[in-house]
Amino acid sequence: MRCPVCGAEDSLSPLGELDVKWELPRLRFKRPDLLDARPAFAASRGRACRSCGVLLPFLDEKKLEKLREEFDELIPVAPDPTPETPPSPESPS
């Protein structure tokens, strides 16, 4: 398997469980309405690259199915920058 960050071949570890003390890492989006909860998807598994050290979190099947169901309604937290305009330092993208 190729690392999506550094491109090294066969450098990703087998799938493992993410072990964080307080809470699993989550991918969060803007709330669709003022009173709605923010869509969030917690990653419980991951792989690590032995070449560059990046940690790649993955969703389990249940959360992946939820992501697939809500995919078209998800609102990004910041707009994607255009090629001619660099993102501001405050932008999470």
PDB file of N, CA and C in Angstrom:
ATOM      1  N   MET A   1       0.838  -1.175   0.000  1.00  0.00           N
ATOM      2  CA  MET A   1       0.000   0.000   0.000  1.00  0.00           C
ATOM      3  C   MET A   1       0.890   1.249   0.000  1.00  0.00           C
ATOM      4  N   ARG A   2       0.513   2.266  -0.752  1.00  0.00           N
ATOM      5  CA  ARG A   2       1.290   3.495  -0.886  1.00  0.00           C
ATOM      6  C   ARG A   2       0.808   4.539   0.126  1.00  0.00           C
ATOM      7  N   CYS A   3       1.751   5.229   0.763  1.00  0.00           N
ATOM      8  CA  CYS A   3       1.420   6.309   1.695  1.00  0.00           C
ATOM      9  C   CYS A   3       0.892   7.500   0.902  1.00  0.00           C
ATOM     10  N   PRO A   4      -0.287   8.036   1.258  1.00  0.00           N
ATOM     11  CA  PRO A   4      -0.829   9.170   0.517  1.00  0.00           C
ATOM     12  C   PRO A   4      -0.089  10.486   0.789  1.00  0.00           C
ATOM     13  N   VAL A   5       0.774  10.526   1.803  1.00  0.00           N
ATOM     14  CA  VAL A   5       1.496  11.756   2.125  1.00  0.00           C
ATOM     15  C   VAL A   5       2.868  11.785   1.457  1.00  0.00           C
ATOM     16  N   CYS A   6       3.697  10.777   1.703  1.00  0.00           N
ATOM     17  CA  CYS A   6       5.057  10.785   1.151  1.00  0.00           C
ATOM     18  C   CYS A   6       5.191   9.938  -0.110  1.00  0.00           C
ATOM     19  N   GLY A   7       4.221   9.069  -0.390  1.00  0.00           N
ATOM     20  CA  GLY A   7       4.244   8.255  -1.597  1.00  0.00           C
ATOM     21  C   GLY A   7       5.065   6.988  -1.503  1.00  0.00           C
ATOM     22  N   ALA A   8       5.605   6.685  -0.325  1.00  0.00           N
ATOM     23  CA  ALA A   8       6.431   5.483  -0.173  1.00  0.00           C
ATOM     24  C   ALA A   8       5.594   4.222  -0.401  1.00  0.00           C
ATOM     25  N   GLU A   9       6.144   3.275  -1.143  1.00  0.00           N
ATOM     26  CA  GLU A   9       5.475   2.006  -1.424  1.00  0.00           C
ATOM     27  C   GLU A   9       5.589   1.060  -0.237  1.00  0.00           C
ATOM     28  N   ASP A  10       4.572   0.310   0.020  1.00  0.00           N
ATOM     29  CA  ASP A  10       4.568  -0.734   1.057  1.00  0.00           C
ATOM     30  C   ASP A  10       5.090  -0.238   2.404  1.00  0.00           C
ATOM     31  N   SER A  11       4.708   0.985   2.781  1.00  0.00           N
ATOM     32  CA  SER A  11       5.213   1.540   4.034  1.00  0.00           C
ATOM     33  C   SER A  11       4.142   1.673   5.106  1.00  0.00           C
ATOM     34  N   LEU A  12       2.873   1.369   4.777  1.00  0.00           N
ATOM     35  CA  LEU A  12       1.809   1.528   5.771  1.00  0.00           C
ATOM     36  C   LEU A  12       1.691   0.286   6.638  1.00  0.00           C
ATOM     37  N   SER A  13       1.498   0.528   7.918  1.00  0.00           N
ATOM     38  CA  SER A  13       1.347  -0.563   8.880  1.00  0.00           C
ATOM     39  C   SER A  13       0.014  -1.272   8.662  1.00  0.00           C
ATOM     40  N   PRO A  14      -0.147  -2.429   9.272  1.00  0.00           N
ATOM     41  CA  PRO A  14      -1.473  -3.049   9.274  1.00  0.00           C
ATOM     42  C   PRO A  14      -2.455  -2.162  10.032  1.00  0.00           C
ATOM     43  N   LEU A  15      -3.728  -2.389   9.826  1.00  0.00           N
ATOM     44  CA  LEU A  15      -4.765  -1.629  10.511  1.00  0.00           C
ATOM     45  C   LEU A  15      -4.700  -1.911  12.007  1.00  0.00           C
ATOM     46  N   GLY A  16      -4.680  -0.860  12.793  1.00  0.00           N
ATOM     47  CA  GLY A  16      -4.645  -0.997  14.244  1.00  0.00           C
ATOM     48  C   GLY A  16      -5.727  -0.151  14.883  1.00  0.00           C
ATOM     49  N   GLU A  17      -5.925  -0.323  16.178  1.00  0.00           N
ATOM     50  CA  GLU A  17      -6.908   0.474  16.908  1.00  0.00           C
ATOM     51  C   GLU A  17      -6.251   1.759  17.391  1.00  0.00           C
ATOM     52  N   LEU A  18      -6.966   2.867  17.260  1.00  0.00           N
ATOM     53  CA  LEU A  18      -6.466   4.126  17.804  1.00  0.00           C
ATOM     54  C   LEU A  18      -6.761   4.129  19.299  1.00  0.00           C
ATOM     55  N   ASP A  19      -5.772   4.450  20.091  1.00  0.00           N
ATOM     56  CA  ASP A  19      -5.928   4.470  21.535  1.00  0.00           C
ATOM     57  C   ASP A  19      -5.599   5.870  22.027  1.00  0.00           C
ATOM     58  N   VAL A  20      -6.638   6.647  22.272  1.00  0.00           N
ATOM     59  CA  VAL A  20      -6.443   7.989  22.806  1.00  0.00           C
ATOM     60  C   VAL A  20      -7.073   8.045  24.181  1.00  0.00           C
ATOM     61  N   LYS A  21      -6.476   8.836  25.040  1.00  0.00           N
ATOM     62  CA  LYS A  21      -6.895   8.820  26.437  1.00  0.00           C
ATOM     63  C   LYS A  21      -8.314   9.346  26.649  1.00  0.00           C
ATOM     64  N   TRP A  22      -8.658  10.482  26.040  1.00  0.00           N
ATOM     65  CA  TRP A  22      -9.948  11.098  26.355  1.00  0.00           C
ATOM     66  C   TRP A  22     -11.023  10.791  25.320  1.00  0.00           C
ATOM     67  N   GLU A  23     -10.671  10.920  24.063  1.00  0.00           N
ATOM     68  CA  GLU A  23     -11.701  10.839  23.029  1.00  0.00           C
ATOM     69  C   GLU A  23     -11.053  10.467  21.701  1.00  0.00           C
ATOM     70  N   LEU A  24     -11.795   9.779  20.849  1.00  0.00           N
ATOM     71  CA  LEU A  24     -11.289   9.434  19.525  1.00  0.00           C
ATOM     72  C   LEU A  24     -11.212  10.676  18.650  1.00  0.00           C
ATOM     73  N   PRO A  25     -10.247  10.723  17.727  1.00  0.00           N
ATOM     74  CA  PRO A  25     -10.208  11.854  16.793  1.00  0.00           C
ATOM     75  C   PRO A  25     -11.480  11.868  15.951  1.00  0.00           C
ATOM     76  N   ARG A  26     -11.997  13.068  15.730  1.00  0.00           N
ATOM     77  CA  ARG A  26     -13.257  13.188  14.994  1.00  0.00           C
ATOM     78  C   ARG A  26     -13.105  14.140  13.818  1.00  0.00           C
ATOM     79  N   LEU A  27     -13.811  13.835  12.758  1.00  0.00           N
ATOM     80  CA  LEU A  27     -13.945  14.710  11.611  1.00  0.00           C
ATOM     81  C   LEU A  27     -15.269  15.424  11.795  1.00  0.00           C
ATOM     82  N   ARG A  28     -15.217  16.773  11.927  1.00  0.00           N
ATOM     83  CA  ARG A  28     -16.442  17.530  12.222  1.00  0.00           C
ATOM     84  C   ARG A  28     -16.750  18.508  11.101  1.00  0.00           C
ATOM     85  N   PHE A  29     -18.046  18.780  10.930  1.00  0.00           N
ATOM     86  CA  PHE A  29     -18.524  19.696   9.902  1.00  0.00           C
ATOM     87  C   PHE A  29     -19.420  20.743  10.543  1.00  0.00           C
ATOM     88  N   LYS A  30     -19.755  21.798   9.781  1.00  0.00           N
ATOM     89  CA  LYS A  30     -20.652  22.827  10.299  1.00  0.00           C
ATOM     90  C   LYS A  30     -22.037  22.247  10.509  1.00  0.00           C
ATOM     91  N   ARG A  31     -22.761  22.822  11.469  1.00  0.00           N
ATOM     92  CA  ARG A  31     -24.131  22.375  11.712  1.00  0.00           C
ATOM     93  C   ARG A  31     -25.035  22.863  10.582  1.00  0.00           C
ATOM     94  N   PRO A  32     -25.947  22.015  10.122  1.00  0.00           N
ATOM     95  CA  PRO A  32     -26.825  22.399   9.024  1.00  0.00           C
ATOM     96  C   PRO A  32     -27.832  23.478   9.410  1.00  0.00           C
ATOM     97  N   ASP A  33     -28.191  23.548  10.690  1.00  0.00           N
ATOM     98  CA  ASP A  33     -29.153  24.529  11.174  1.00  0.00           C
ATOM     99  C   ASP A  33     -28.729  24.915  12.588  1.00  0.00           C
ATOM    100  N   LEU A  34     -29.180  26.032  13.063  1.00  0.00           N
ATOM    101  CA  LEU A  34     -28.770  26.549  14.365  1.00  0.00           C
ATOM    102  C   LEU A  34     -28.993  25.543  15.500  1.00  0.00           C
ATOM    103  N   LEU A  35     -30.096  24.827  15.478  1.00  0.00           N
ATOM    104  CA  LEU A  35     -30.420  23.905  16.568  1.00  0.00           C
ATOM    105  C   LEU A  35     -29.964  22.467  16.311  1.00  0.00           C
ATOM    106  N   ASP A  36     -29.434  22.187  15.142  1.00  0.00           N
ATOM    107  CA  ASP A  36     -28.972  20.835  14.823  1.00  0.00           C
ATOM    108  C   ASP A  36     -27.581  20.587  15.405  1.00  0.00           C
ATOM    109  N   ALA A  37     -27.301  19.338  15.696  1.00  0.00           N
ATOM    110  CA  ALA A  37     -25.968  18.961  16.171  1.00  0.00           C
ATOM    111  C   ALA A  37     -24.978  19.024  15.013  1.00  0.00           C
ATOM    112  N   ARG A  38     -23.720  19.288  15.333  1.00  0.00           N
ATOM    113  CA  ARG A  38     -22.680  19.266  14.305  1.00  0.00           C
ATOM    114  C   ARG A  38     -22.435  17.831  13.887  1.00  0.00           C
ATOM    115  N   PRO A  39     -22.470  17.532  12.588  1.00  0.00           N
ATOM    116  CA  PRO A  39     -22.118  16.181  12.152  1.00  0.00           C
ATOM    117  C   PRO A  39     -20.665  15.886  12.508  1.00  0.00           C
ATOM    118  N   ALA A  40     -20.428  14.735  13.121  1.00  0.00           N
ATOM    119  CA  ALA A  40     -19.077  14.342  13.524  1.00  0.00           C
ATOM    120  C   ALA A  40     -18.916  12.845  13.326  1.00  0.00           C
ATOM    121  N   PHE A  41     -17.729  12.444  12.919  1.00  0.00           N
ATOM    122  CA  PHE A  41     -17.444  11.036  12.649  1.00  0.00           C
ATOM    123  C   PHE A  41     -16.143  10.677  13.347  1.00  0.00           C
ATOM    124  N   ALA A  42     -16.229   9.827  14.371  1.00  0.00           N
ATOM    125  CA  ALA A  42     -15.059   9.444  15.165  1.00  0.00           C
ATOM    126  C   ALA A  42     -14.314   8.299  14.494  1.00  0.00           C
ATOM    127  N   ALA A  43     -12.996   8.431  14.440  1.00  0.00           N
ATOM    128  CA  ALA A  43     -12.141   7.391  13.864  1.00  0.00           C
ATOM    129  C   ALA A  43     -11.636   6.488  14.974  1.00  0.00           C
ATOM    130  N   SER A  44     -11.810   5.188  14.799  1.00  0.00           N
ATOM    131  CA  SER A  44     -11.403   4.246  15.837  1.00  0.00           C
ATOM    132  C   SER A  44     -10.245   3.348  15.399  1.00  0.00           C
ATOM    133  N   ARG A  45      -9.848   3.447  14.141  1.00  0.00           N
ATOM    134  CA  ARG A  45      -8.761   2.613  13.624  1.00  0.00           C
ATOM    135  C   ARG A  45      -7.805   3.477  12.823  1.00  0.00           C
ATOM    136  N   GLY A  46      -6.611   2.967  12.568  1.00  0.00           N
ATOM    137  CA  GLY A  46      -5.663   3.749  11.801  1.00  0.00           C
ATOM    138  C   GLY A  46      -4.500   2.930  11.288  1.00  0.00           C
ATOM    139  N   ARG A  47      -3.718   3.563  10.449  1.00  0.00           N
ATOM    140  CA  ARG A  47      -2.475   3.006   9.926  1.00  0.00           C
ATOM    141  C   ARG A  47      -1.399   4.075  10.085  1.00  0.00           C
ATOM    142  N   ALA A  48      -0.145   3.641  10.194  1.00  0.00           N
ATOM    143  CA  ALA A  48       0.979   4.571  10.295  1.00  0.00           C
ATOM    144  C   ALA A  48       1.974   4.271   9.181  1.00  0.00           C
ATOM    145  N   CYS A  49       2.617   5.312   8.667  1.00  0.00           N
ATOM    146  CA  CYS A  49       3.636   5.155   7.636  1.00  0.00           C
ATOM    147  C   CYS A  49       4.999   5.037   8.307  1.00  0.00           C
ATOM    148  N   ARG A  50       5.739   4.000   7.975  1.00  0.00           N
ATOM    149  CA  ARG A  50       7.064   3.830   8.578  1.00  0.00           C
ATOM    150  C   ARG A  50       8.100   4.748   7.941  1.00  0.00           C
ATOM    151  N   SER A  51       7.777   5.358   6.804  1.00  0.00           N
ATOM    152  CA  SER A  51       8.728   6.268   6.154  1.00  0.00           C
ATOM    153  C   SER A  51       8.624   7.697   6.691  1.00  0.00           C
ATOM    154  N   CYS A  52       7.409   8.242   6.743  1.00  0.00           N
ATOM    155  CA  CYS A  52       7.269   9.643   7.155  1.00  0.00           C
ATOM    156  C   CYS A  52       6.592   9.809   8.513  1.00  0.00           C
ATOM    157  N   GLY A  53       5.997   8.752   9.048  1.00  0.00           N
ATOM    158  CA  GLY A  53       5.409   8.817  10.378  1.00  0.00           C
ATOM    159  C   GLY A  53       3.984   9.325  10.433  1.00  0.00           C
ATOM    160  N   VAL A  54       3.374   9.598   9.290  1.00  0.00           N
ATOM    161  CA  VAL A  54       1.994  10.089   9.308  1.00  0.00           C
ATOM    162  C   VAL A  54       1.069   9.016   9.887  1.00  0.00           C
ATOM    163  N   LEU A  55       0.076   9.453  10.623  1.00  0.00           N
ATOM    164  CA  LEU A  55      -0.942   8.574  11.172  1.00  0.00           C
ATOM    165  C   LEU A  55      -2.229   8.826  10.404  1.00  0.00           C
ATOM    166  N   LEU A  56      -2.794   7.790   9.805  1.00  0.00           N
ATOM    167  CA  LEU A  56      -3.999   7.902   9.000  1.00  0.00           C
ATOM    168  C   LEU A  56      -5.165   7.262   9.739  1.00  0.00           C
ATOM    169  N   PRO A  57      -6.075   8.067  10.290  1.00  0.00           N
ATOM    170  CA  PRO A  57      -7.234   7.501  10.986  1.00  0.00           C
ATOM    171  C   PRO A  57      -8.285   7.021   9.995  1.00  0.00           C
ATOM    172  N   PHE A  58      -9.056   5.990  10.399  1.00  0.00           N
ATOM    173  CA  PHE A  58     -10.106   5.413   9.579  1.00  0.00           C
ATOM    174  C   PHE A  58     -11.388   5.272  10.393  1.00  0.00           C
ATOM    175  N   LEU A  59     -12.517   5.380   9.704  1.00  0.00           N
ATOM    176  CA  LEU A  59     -13.818   5.156  10.335  1.00  0.00           C
ATOM    177  C   LEU A  59     -14.119   3.659  10.344  1.00  0.00           C
ATOM    178  N   ASP A  60     -14.861   3.214  11.370  1.00  0.00           N
ATOM    179  CA  ASP A  60     -15.314   1.828  11.353  1.00  0.00           C
ATOM    180  C   ASP A  60     -16.529   1.730  10.413  1.00  0.00           C
ATOM    181  N   GLU A  61     -17.017   0.529  10.180  1.00  0.00           N
ATOM    182  CA  GLU A  61     -18.100   0.316   9.204  1.00  0.00           C
ATOM    183  C   GLU A  61     -19.369   1.097   9.548  1.00  0.00           C
ATOM    184  N   LYS A  62     -19.721   1.139  10.830  1.00  0.00           N
ATOM    185  CA  LYS A  62     -20.941   1.841  11.246  1.00  0.00           C
ATOM    186  C   LYS A  62     -20.847   3.339  10.953  1.00  0.00           C
ATOM    187  N   LYS A  63     -19.721   3.940  11.303  1.00  0.00           N
ATOM    188  CA  LYS A  63     -19.543   5.373  11.074  1.00  0.00           C
ATOM    189  C   LYS A  63     -19.352   5.686   9.595  1.00  0.00           C
ATOM    190  N   LEU A  64     -18.724   4.768   8.861  1.00  0.00           N
ATOM    191  CA  LEU A  64     -18.581   4.946   7.419  1.00  0.00           C
ATOM    192  C   LEU A  64     -19.945   4.943   6.742  1.00  0.00           C
ATOM    193  N   GLU A  65     -20.829   4.078   7.163  1.00  0.00           N
ATOM    194  CA  GLU A  65     -22.182   4.047   6.608  1.00  0.00           C
ATOM    195  C   GLU A  65     -22.918   5.353   6.913  1.00  0.00           C
ATOM    196  N   LYS A  66     -22.757   5.875   8.128  1.00  0.00           N
ATOM    197  CA  LYS A  66     -23.377   7.153   8.489  1.00  0.00           C
ATOM    198  C   LYS A  66     -22.830   8.278   7.617  1.00  0.00           C
ATOM    199  N   LEU A  67     -21.505   8.279   7.376  1.00  0.00           N
ATOM    200  CA  LEU A  67     -20.889   9.277   6.501  1.00  0.00           C
ATOM    201  C   LEU A  67     -21.474   9.188   5.095  1.00  0.00           C
ATOM    202  N   ARG A  68     -21.613   7.992   4.590  1.00  0.00           N
ATOM    203  CA  ARG A  68     -22.178   7.806   3.243  1.00  0.00           C
ATOM    204  C   ARG A  68     -23.605   8.341   3.160  1.00  0.00           C
ATOM    205  N   GLU A  69     -24.386   8.117   4.212  1.00  0.00           N
ATOM    206  CA  GLU A  69     -25.774   8.589   4.224  1.00  0.00           C
ATOM    207  C   GLU A  69     -25.865  10.111   4.254  1.00  0.00           C
ATOM    208  N   GLU A  70     -24.973  10.774   4.979  1.00  0.00           N
ATOM    209  CA  GLU A  70     -25.035  12.223   5.162  1.00  0.00           C
ATOM    210  C   GLU A  70     -24.116  12.995   4.219  1.00  0.00           C
ATOM    211  N   PHE A  71     -23.367  12.309   3.382  1.00  0.00           N
ATOM    212  CA  PHE A  71     -22.308  12.906   2.580  1.00  0.00           C
ATOM    213  C   PHE A  71     -22.743  14.148   1.801  1.00  0.00           C
ATOM    214  N   ASP A  72     -23.850  14.087   1.103  1.00  0.00           N
ATOM    215  CA  ASP A  72     -24.286  15.194   0.250  1.00  0.00           C
ATOM    216  C   ASP A  72     -24.764  16.412   1.040  1.00  0.00           C
ATOM    217  N   GLU A  73     -25.081  16.246   2.323  1.00  0.00           N
ATOM    218  CA  GLU A  73     -25.566  17.358   3.136  1.00  0.00           C
ATOM    219  C   GLU A  73     -24.484  17.990   4.017  1.00  0.00           C
ATOM    220  N   LEU A  74     -23.279  17.439   4.011  1.00  0.00           N
ATOM    221  CA  LEU A  74     -22.215  17.960   4.875  1.00  0.00           C
ATOM    222  C   LEU A  74     -21.754  19.337   4.410  1.00  0.00           C
ATOM    223  N   ILE A  75     -21.536  20.233   5.370  1.00  0.00           N
ATOM    224  CA  ILE A  75     -21.117  21.602   5.089  1.00  0.00           C
ATOM    225  C   ILE A  75     -19.681  21.756   5.589  1.00  0.00           C
ATOM    226  N   PRO A  76     -18.750  22.169   4.718  1.00  0.00           N
ATOM    227  CA  PRO A  76     -17.364  22.307   5.169  1.00  0.00           C
ATOM    228  C   PRO A  76     -17.231  23.412   6.211  1.00  0.00           C
ATOM    229  N   VAL A  77     -16.198  23.308   7.043  1.00  0.00           N
ATOM    230  CA  VAL A  77     -15.966  24.330   8.063  1.00  0.00           C
ATOM    231  C   VAL A  77     -15.353  25.589   7.467  1.00  0.00           C
ATOM    232  N   ALA A  78     -14.729  25.476   6.301  1.00  0.00           N
ATOM    233  CA  ALA A  78     -14.162  26.632   5.606  1.00  0.00           C
ATOM    234  C   ALA A  78     -14.201  26.332   4.113  1.00  0.00           C
ATOM    235  N   PRO A  79     -14.366  27.356   3.293  1.00  0.00           N
ATOM    236  CA  PRO A  79     -14.368  27.095   1.847  1.00  0.00           C
ATOM    237  C   PRO A  79     -12.991  26.648   1.378  1.00  0.00           C
ATOM    238  N   ASP A  80     -12.962  25.858   0.317  1.00  0.00           N
ATOM    239  CA  ASP A  80     -11.694  25.445  -0.271  1.00  0.00           C
ATOM    240  C   ASP A  80     -11.027  26.663  -0.894  1.00  0.00           C
ATOM    241  N   PRO A  81      -9.728  26.849  -0.658  1.00  0.00           N
ATOM    242  CA  PRO A  81      -9.059  28.000  -1.268  1.00  0.00           C
ATOM    243  C   PRO A  81      -8.945  27.814  -2.775  1.00  0.00           C
ATOM    244  N   THR A  82      -9.017  28.900  -3.512  1.00  0.00           N
ATOM    245  CA  THR A  82      -8.821  28.829  -4.951  1.00  0.00           C
ATOM    246  C   THR A  82      -7.320  28.874  -5.216  1.00  0.00           C
ATOM    247  N   PRO A  83      -6.859  28.355  -6.352  1.00  0.00           N
ATOM    248  CA  PRO A  83      -5.405  28.319  -6.612  1.00  0.00           C
ATOM    249  C   PRO A  83      -4.739  29.686  -6.546  1.00  0.00           C
ATOM    250  N   GLU A  84      -5.445  30.747  -6.937  1.00  0.00           N
ATOM    251  CA  GLU A  84      -4.818  32.073  -6.933  1.00  0.00           C
ATOM    252  C   GLU A  84      -4.888  32.766  -5.579  1.00  0.00           C
ATOM    253  N   THR A  85      -5.653  32.228  -4.635  1.00  0.00           N
ATOM    254  CA  THR A  85      -5.800  32.854  -3.329  1.00  0.00           C
ATOM    255  C   THR A  85      -5.346  31.890  -2.233  1.00  0.00           C
ATOM    256  N   PRO A  86      -4.216  32.171  -1.578  1.00  0.00           N
ATOM    257  CA  PRO A  86      -3.781  31.279  -0.493  1.00  0.00           C
ATOM    258  C   PRO A  86      -4.738  31.383   0.693  1.00  0.00           C
ATOM    259  N   PRO A  87      -4.927  30.289   1.448  1.00  0.00           N
ATOM    260  CA  PRO A  87      -5.815  30.337   2.606  1.00  0.00           C
ATOM    261  C   PRO A  87      -5.254  31.261   3.683  1.00  0.00           C
ATOM    262  N   SER A  88      -6.148  31.832   4.461  1.00  0.00           N
ATOM    263  CA  SER A  88      -5.697  32.682   5.561  1.00  0.00           C
ATOM    264  C   SER A  88      -5.099  31.809   6.655  1.00  0.00           C
ATOM    265  N   PRO A  89      -4.231  32.354   7.511  1.00  0.00           N
ATOM    266  CA  PRO A  89      -3.634  31.562   8.595  1.00  0.00           C
ATOM    267  C   PRO A  89      -4.672  31.009   9.561  1.00  0.00           C
ATOM    268  N   GLU A  90      -5.834  31.662   9.683  1.00  0.00           N
ATOM    269  CA  GLU A  90      -6.872  31.189  10.599  1.00  0.00           C
ATOM    270  C   GLU A  90      -7.692  30.058  10.007  1.00  0.00           C
ATOM    271  N   SER A  91      -7.592  29.826   8.702  1.00  0.00           N
ATOM    272  CA  SER A  91      -8.417  28.832   8.019  1.00  0.00           C
ATOM    273  C   SER A  91      -7.929  27.426   8.319  1.00  0.00           C
ATOM    274  N   PRO A  92      -8.849  26.504   8.698  1.00  0.00           N
ATOM    275  CA  PRO A  92      -8.439  25.125   8.959  1.00  0.00           C
ATOM    276  C   PRO A  92      -8.171  24.329   7.700  1.00  0.00           C
ATOM    277  N   SER A  93      -8.460  24.874   6.514  1.00  0.00           N
ATOM    278  CA  SER A  93      -8.228  24.113   5.290  1.00  0.00           C
ATOM    279  C   SER A  93      -6.931  24.481   4.633  1.00  0.00           C
TER     280      SER A  93
END
